[in-house]
Amino acid sequence: MSRPIETLSIRISESVGAVDAVLLRPDDARFLLVLAHGAGAGMHHPFMGRIAEELASCGVATLRYQFPYMQQREKRPDSPQVLTASVRAAVATASELVPGLPLLAGGKSLGGRMTSLAYAGERPGANAGTAAVSGFVFVGFPLHPAGRPGIQRAEHLARVQAPMLFLQGTRDALADLELLRPVCAKLASRATLHVVNGADHSFHVLKRSGRTDIDVVTELARTVAAWAETLA
């Protein structure tokens, strides 16, 4: 079911300017997830829209936003400094817009990784220029480039003090589960790994699996909602 969304603008900084964002808040919302997009597609990508709708069905509001390079229709992502500043600005805006809801933050692939980088080293509940975030949601954490397995991109996660939810497909070429499982184990109780059988990095599943991509998105949304309830 389609729901009305509120369009708004988020100012990143004087030098970077502003980006577009959309807020989808169901009447029964219990959490607000600040959701960043992946490297190759912006907040209006069908996957981003579908997961926002499914999350709304589960009582999770979403604030989706563009990174500056996507706003400007550039192909190459911004520097990590600009991307993490964008995350902080989006979270701060979300906190002002919906002050009564617990905040979650994360995103698809690059968006999730940049969110974790923005908060690496912060104490739980600390401000440091951003609003307090109760937990982080990684929708396909990009642990390594395709065909180049490694865990360097996860090193900063040890400095993320809030709970983290990893949603990963078994066919994800950017996250070898044999490497990701030990990463999550080392993070101990802060990390929850939910594996989606047969899904790739885009959370597509093969027809012979007997499932559809919509089935997968529904699973992702329900998992996020159930996990969020454990944070209260």
Protein backbone atom coordinates (compact mmCIF):
# COMPACT_ATOMS: atom_id res chain seq x y z
CA MET A 1 0.00 0.00 0.00
CA SER A 2 1.41 3.38 -1.03
CA ARG A 3 1.70 5.98 1.73
CA PRO A 4 2.12 9.76 1.47
CA ILE A 5 5.67 10.97 1.89
CA GLU A 6 6.99 14.34 2.98
CA THR A 7 9.70 15.85 0.81
CA LEU A 8 12.30 18.07 2.42
CA SER A 9 15.79 19.46 2.09
CA ILE A 10 18.79 18.72 4.30
CA ARG A 11 21.63 21.21 4.47
CA ILE A 12 24.98 19.44 4.72
CA SER A 13 27.29 22.44 5.07
CA GLU A 14 27.98 25.88 3.65
CA SER A 15 30.43 24.47 1.12
CA VAL A 16 28.51 21.33 0.15
CA GLY A 17 25.00 22.77 0.11
CA ALA A 18 21.71 20.89 0.50
CA VAL A 19 20.31 17.54 -0.64
CA ASP A 20 16.81 16.18 -1.12
CA ALA A 21 15.18 13.80 1.34
CA VAL A 22 11.85 12.06 1.88
CA LEU A 23 10.18 11.13 5.15
CA LEU A 24 7.76 8.21 5.28
CA ARG A 25 6.12 8.02 8.70
CA PRO A 26 3.25 5.62 9.37
CA ASP A 27 0.76 6.54 12.07
CA ASP A 28 1.91 3.62 14.24
CA ALA A 29 5.65 4.31 13.90
CA ARG A 30 7.76 3.13 16.84
CA PHE A 31 11.19 3.87 15.34
CA LEU A 32 12.72 6.13 12.71
CA LEU A 33 15.45 4.72 10.45
CA VAL A 34 17.69 7.22 8.67
CA LEU A 35 18.39 5.27 5.49
CA ALA A 36 21.22 6.08 3.07
CA HIS A 37 21.41 4.73 -0.48
CA GLY A 38 24.10 2.64 -2.14
CA ALA A 39 26.89 3.84 -4.42
CA GLY A 40 25.19 3.38 -7.78
CA ALA A 41 21.57 4.37 -7.15
CA GLY A 42 19.90 7.12 -5.14
CA MET A 43 17.05 7.26 -2.68
CA HIS A 44 14.43 6.84 -5.42
CA HIS A 45 15.74 3.45 -6.57
CA PRO A 46 12.91 0.86 -6.54
CA PHE A 47 14.64 -1.18 -3.83
CA MET A 48 14.86 1.86 -1.56
CA GLY A 49 11.20 2.64 -2.12
CA ARG A 50 10.08 -0.95 -1.53
CA ILE A 51 12.01 -1.39 1.69
CA ALA A 52 10.72 1.96 3.00
CA GLU A 53 7.14 0.85 2.31
CA GLU A 54 7.68 -2.52 3.96
CA LEU A 55 9.33 -0.92 6.97
CA ALA A 56 6.35 1.41 7.29
CA SER A 57 4.10 -1.65 7.35
CA CYS A 58 6.17 -2.88 10.31
CA GLY A 59 5.96 0.37 12.26
CA VAL A 60 9.34 1.77 11.22
CA ALA A 61 9.42 5.26 9.71
CA THR A 62 12.23 6.11 7.29
CA LEU A 63 14.09 9.23 6.27
CA ARG A 64 15.79 8.62 2.94
CA TYR A 65 18.22 11.18 1.56
CA GLN A 66 20.61 11.78 -1.31
CA PHE A 67 24.34 11.98 -0.97
CA PRO A 68 25.67 15.19 -2.62
CA TYR A 69 27.20 13.42 -5.63
CA MET A 70 23.87 11.74 -6.39
CA GLN A 71 22.04 15.03 -5.92
CA GLN A 72 24.39 16.58 -8.48
CA ARG A 73 24.08 13.55 -10.80
CA GLU A 74 27.76 12.75 -10.58
CA LYS A 75 28.90 9.15 -11.02
CA ARG A 76 31.78 9.16 -8.56
CA PRO A 77 30.88 9.15 -4.85
CA ASP A 78 31.95 12.04 -2.64
CA SER A 79 34.92 11.78 -0.31
CA PRO A 80 34.36 9.91 2.97
CA GLN A 81 34.48 13.25 4.76
CA VAL A 82 31.55 14.60 2.73
CA LEU A 83 29.62 11.33 2.95
CA THR A 84 29.95 11.08 6.72
CA ALA A 85 29.03 14.75 7.11
CA SER A 86 25.91 13.99 5.09
CA VAL A 87 25.05 11.13 7.43
CA ARG A 88 25.39 13.37 10.47
CA ALA A 89 23.26 16.09 8.90
CA ALA A 90 20.53 13.61 7.97
CA VAL A 91 20.44 12.09 11.46
CA ALA A 92 20.31 15.54 13.06
CA THR A 93 17.44 16.51 10.77
CA ALA A 94 15.56 13.31 11.58
CA SER A 95 15.94 13.98 15.29
CA GLU A 96 14.44 17.45 14.86
CA LEU A 97 11.59 16.30 12.62
CA VAL A 98 10.46 13.38 14.78
CA PRO A 99 11.82 13.98 18.28
CA GLY A 100 9.65 11.36 19.95
CA LEU A 101 10.92 8.28 18.12
CA PRO A 102 14.08 6.27 18.84
CA LEU A 103 16.58 6.76 16.03
CA LEU A 104 18.19 4.05 13.93
CA ALA A 105 20.67 4.79 11.15
CA GLY A 106 22.21 2.86 8.31
CA GLY A 107 21.77 2.16 4.66
CA LYS A 108 22.29 0.05 1.60
CA SER A 109 25.90 -0.97 0.94
CA LEU A 110 27.97 2.24 0.78
CA GLY A 111 25.30 4.10 2.74
CA GLY A 112 25.55 1.67 5.64
CA ARG A 113 29.34 1.71 5.68
CA MET A 114 29.48 5.51 5.66
CA THR A 115 26.96 5.61 8.50
CA SER A 116 29.12 3.34 10.61
CA LEU A 117 32.19 5.45 9.82
CA ALA A 118 30.32 8.58 10.87
CA TYR A 119 29.72 7.08 14.30
CA ALA A 120 32.93 5.11 14.86
CA GLY A 121 34.40 6.13 18.18
CA GLU A 122 31.32 7.81 19.60
CA ARG A 123 30.00 6.78 23.00
CA PRO A 124 26.43 5.46 23.14
CA GLY A 125 24.12 8.45 23.47
CA ALA A 126 26.92 10.93 22.71
CA ASN A 127 26.11 13.95 20.62
CA ALA A 128 29.33 15.08 18.92
CA GLY A 129 27.43 17.03 16.29
CA THR A 130 24.85 14.33 15.68
CA ALA A 131 21.78 13.06 17.45
CA ALA A 132 21.96 9.90 19.55
CA VAL A 133 21.39 6.70 17.57
CA SER A 134 20.06 3.55 19.24
CA GLY A 135 21.34 1.12 16.61
CA PHE A 136 22.75 0.71 13.11
CA VAL A 137 21.28 -1.22 10.18
CA PHE A 138 23.52 -2.43 7.35
CA VAL A 139 21.60 -3.63 4.30
CA GLY A 140 24.33 -5.53 2.49
CA PHE A 141 27.49 -4.32 4.23
CA PRO A 142 30.22 -4.02 1.52
CA LEU A 143 32.94 -5.90 3.36
CA HIS A 144 35.27 -5.98 0.34
CA PRO A 145 35.31 -5.32 -3.42
CA ALA A 146 33.97 -8.12 -5.60
CA GLY A 147 36.66 -10.75 -6.16
CA ARG A 148 39.01 -9.20 -3.59
CA PRO A 149 38.11 -10.70 -0.20
CA GLY A 150 39.33 -8.93 2.89
CA ILE A 151 38.15 -7.34 6.13
CA GLN A 152 39.87 -3.95 6.08
CA ARG A 153 36.56 -2.16 5.51
CA ALA A 154 35.29 -3.59 8.79
CA GLU A 155 38.17 -2.49 11.01
CA HIS A 156 36.37 0.65 12.20
CA LEU A 157 33.35 -1.35 13.40
CA ALA A 158 35.20 -2.16 16.63
CA ARG A 159 34.81 1.54 17.47
CA VAL A 160 31.04 1.58 16.88
CA GLN A 161 29.55 1.24 20.34
CA ALA A 162 25.82 0.88 19.56
CA PRO A 163 24.15 -2.38 18.44
CA MET A 164 24.50 -3.28 14.75
CA LEU A 165 22.29 -5.39 12.49
CA PHE A 166 23.87 -6.94 9.40
CA LEU A 167 21.48 -8.08 6.67
CA GLN A 168 23.48 -10.17 4.19
CA GLY A 169 22.70 -12.50 1.30
CA THR A 170 24.44 -15.82 0.80
CA ARG A 171 25.30 -14.84 -2.80
CA ASP A 172 26.65 -11.39 -1.92
CA ALA A 173 29.88 -10.93 -3.92
CA LEU A 174 30.86 -8.00 -1.67
CA ALA A 175 30.66 -9.89 1.61
CA ASP A 176 32.07 -13.38 1.89
CA LEU A 177 30.18 -14.85 4.83
CA GLU A 178 33.23 -16.89 5.80
CA LEU A 179 34.89 -13.53 6.52
CA LEU A 180 31.87 -11.64 7.82
CA ARG A 181 30.86 -14.21 10.42
CA PRO A 182 34.15 -13.87 12.37
CA VAL A 183 33.89 -10.07 12.12
CA CYS A 184 30.45 -10.20 13.73
CA ALA A 185 31.60 -12.74 16.31
CA LYS A 186 34.41 -10.42 17.36
CA LEU A 187 31.89 -7.61 17.84
CA ALA A 188 30.08 -9.95 20.26
CA SER A 189 26.71 -8.80 21.57
CA ARG A 190 26.86 -5.56 19.58
CA ALA A 191 26.41 -7.41 16.28
CA THR A 192 23.46 -9.39 14.94
CA LEU A 193 23.88 -11.16 11.60
CA HIS A 194 20.76 -12.08 9.62
CA VAL A 195 21.53 -14.18 6.55
CA VAL A 196 19.11 -14.16 3.61
CA ASN A 197 19.39 -17.47 1.79
CA GLY A 198 19.95 -17.14 -1.96
CA ALA A 199 20.11 -13.33 -2.06
CA ASP A 200 22.89 -11.41 -3.82
CA HIS A 201 24.22 -7.94 -2.95
CA SER A 202 21.10 -6.32 -4.41
CA PHE A 203 18.93 -8.86 -2.57
CA HIS A 204 17.78 -10.46 -5.79
CA VAL A 205 16.96 -14.17 -5.57
CA LEU A 206 16.92 -16.77 -8.33
CA LYS A 207 13.55 -17.91 -9.64
CA ARG A 208 14.31 -21.50 -8.74
CA SER A 209 14.47 -20.49 -5.08
CA GLY A 210 10.69 -20.31 -5.01
CA ARG A 211 10.84 -16.81 -3.56
CA THR A 212 10.51 -13.35 -5.06
CA ASP A 213 12.46 -10.17 -4.46
CA ILE A 214 9.39 -8.77 -2.71
CA ASP A 215 9.45 -11.74 -0.33
CA VAL A 216 13.04 -10.87 0.51
CA VAL A 217 12.30 -7.19 1.13
CA THR A 218 9.46 -8.20 3.43
CA GLU A 219 11.87 -10.44 5.34
CA LEU A 220 14.37 -7.61 5.64
CA ALA A 221 11.78 -5.17 6.97
CA ARG A 222 10.37 -7.60 9.50
CA THR A 223 13.86 -8.45 10.69
CA VAL A 224 14.71 -4.79 11.20
CA ALA A 225 11.49 -4.16 13.13
CA ALA A 226 11.93 -7.22 15.36
CA TRP A 227 15.57 -6.33 16.06
CA ALA A 228 14.69 -2.72 16.86
CA GLU A 229 12.24 -3.89 19.50
CA THR A 230 15.10 -5.60 21.33
CA LEU A 231 16.87 -2.25 21.73
CA ALA A 232 14.19 -0.73 23.93
